[in-house]
Protein backbone atom coordinates (compact mmCIF):
# COMPACT_ATOMS: atom_id res chain seq x y z
CA MET A 1 -13.15 13.70 6.31
CA LYS A 2 -14.89 16.90 7.34
CA SER A 3 -17.31 16.62 4.43
CA PHE A 4 -18.16 12.96 5.09
CA GLU A 5 -21.82 12.15 5.73
CA ASP A 6 -22.74 9.47 8.29
CA ARG A 7 -23.01 6.92 5.48
CA ASP A 8 -19.46 7.80 4.35
CA TRP A 9 -18.07 7.31 7.86
CA LYS A 10 -19.54 3.82 8.12
CA GLU A 11 -18.47 2.88 4.62
CA ASN A 12 -14.87 4.07 4.95
CA PHE A 13 -14.07 3.62 8.63
CA ARG A 14 -16.56 0.88 9.55
CA MET A 15 -17.96 3.05 12.37
CA SER A 16 -19.99 6.18 13.02
CA LYS A 17 -18.40 9.59 13.35
CA SER A 18 -19.32 9.66 17.06
CA THR A 19 -17.46 6.37 17.64
CA PHE A 20 -14.49 7.72 15.69
CA LEU A 21 -14.41 10.85 17.88
CA TYR A 22 -14.73 8.70 21.02
CA ILE A 23 -11.64 6.71 19.98
CA CYS A 24 -9.75 9.93 19.22
CA ASN A 25 -10.53 11.33 22.67
CA ALA A 26 -9.71 8.06 24.43
CA LEU A 27 -6.29 7.82 22.74
CA ARG A 28 -5.43 11.53 22.85
CA ASN A 29 -3.03 11.31 25.82
CA CYS A 30 -1.13 8.40 24.28
CA ILE A 31 -0.62 9.43 20.67
CA GLU A 32 -1.15 13.17 20.37
CA LYS A 33 2.03 14.98 19.33
CA GLN A 34 3.09 18.61 19.75
CA ASP A 35 4.05 20.99 16.97
CA THR A 36 7.75 21.76 16.75
CA SER A 37 9.65 24.60 15.16
CA PHE A 38 10.47 22.21 12.29
CA ARG A 39 6.99 20.88 11.46
CA LYS A 40 3.36 20.83 12.42
CA ALA A 41 2.23 17.65 14.20
CA ILE A 42 -0.22 15.27 12.52
CA SER A 43 -3.56 15.67 14.31
CA ILE A 44 -4.99 12.94 16.51
CA GLU A 45 -7.95 12.66 14.14
CA LYS A 46 -5.69 12.12 11.15
CA ARG A 47 -3.61 9.57 13.09
CA VAL A 48 -6.68 7.55 14.04
CA ALA A 49 -8.13 7.90 10.52
CA ILE A 50 -4.90 6.62 8.94
CA THR A 51 -4.90 3.62 11.25
CA LEU A 52 -8.58 2.78 10.79
CA TRP A 53 -8.37 3.20 7.01
CA THR A 54 -5.39 0.86 6.90
CA LEU A 55 -7.16 -1.73 9.08
CA ALA A 56 -10.55 -1.42 7.34
CA THR A 57 -9.27 -1.73 3.78
CA SER A 58 -6.76 -3.84 1.97
CA CYS A 59 -4.80 -0.75 0.89
CA GLU A 60 -1.02 -0.80 1.02
CA CYS A 61 0.83 1.77 3.11
CA ARG A 62 1.85 3.47 -0.14
CA THR A 63 -1.80 3.99 -1.14
CA VAL A 64 -2.79 5.20 2.33
CA SER A 65 0.15 7.60 2.32
CA HIS A 66 -1.13 9.16 -0.91
CA LEU A 67 -4.70 9.37 0.39
CA PHE A 68 -3.67 11.19 3.57
CA GLY A 69 -0.69 13.15 2.28
CA VAL A 70 1.96 11.62 4.53
CA GLY A 71 4.96 9.39 3.92
CA ARG A 72 4.81 5.59 3.73
CA SER A 73 6.96 5.14 6.81
CA THR A 74 4.72 7.62 8.64
CA VAL A 75 1.66 5.48 7.84
CA CYS A 76 3.41 2.38 9.19
CA PHE A 77 4.67 4.16 12.32
CA ILE A 78 1.30 5.78 13.06
CA GLY A 79 -0.52 2.47 12.55
CA THR A 80 1.76 0.64 14.98
CA GLU A 81 1.66 3.43 17.55
CA THR A 82 -2.13 3.76 17.39
CA CYS A 83 -2.74 0.01 17.61
CA ASN A 84 -0.46 -0.18 20.65
CA ALA A 85 -2.42 2.68 22.24
CA ILE A 86 -5.70 0.89 21.51
CA VAL A 87 -4.40 -2.22 23.27
CA LYS A 88 -3.15 -0.18 26.21
CA VAL A 89 -6.16 2.14 26.66
CA LEU A 90 -9.25 0.51 25.16
CA MET A 91 -8.60 -3.22 25.49
CA PRO A 92 -8.85 -3.24 29.30
CA LEU A 93 -12.21 -1.46 29.05
CA TYR A 94 -13.78 -3.86 26.54
CA ILE A 95 -11.95 -7.19 26.65
CA LYS A 96 -11.61 -9.14 29.87
CA ILE A 97 -9.08 -11.96 29.98
CA PRO A 98 -10.36 -14.59 32.40
CA SER A 99 -8.31 -15.59 35.43
CA LYS A 100 -7.04 -19.17 35.73
CA HIS A 101 -10.01 -20.07 37.95
CA GLU A 102 -12.53 -18.45 35.57
CA MET A 103 -10.95 -20.18 32.59
CA ARG A 104 -11.19 -23.57 34.30
CA ARG A 105 -14.90 -22.93 35.02
CA ILE A 106 -15.50 -21.95 31.37
CA VAL A 107 -13.68 -25.05 30.07
CA ASP A 108 -15.56 -27.33 32.46
CA GLY A 109 -18.86 -25.81 31.38
CA PHE A 110 -17.96 -26.25 27.71
CA GLU A 111 -16.88 -29.87 28.22
CA THR A 112 -20.08 -30.64 30.14
CA LYS A 113 -22.26 -29.12 27.45
CA TRP A 114 -20.51 -30.68 24.46
């Protein structure tokens, strides 16, 4: 990933490198792990990359595990954990669920127009 050009980022992750780094920083507190005496933690960047690669392509977990050098179950776990963090951290910033009153107004407007 370090050698990717801007074109490579968009082709493989469906976003620019700056957007990728923004997502990494936004999710850092939720999914970053600490090294232990048994093993070195998978970096936040690798975690987000694994998730985005899985979502952006039709690759199986087995293929993604080979591409990133981690186990299949690790790919599945990281994907679930990262998607949950995206919903928790980023969804409230970018997706607004209308209140009951707002929804009624939207439906009424739609029915009037169509």
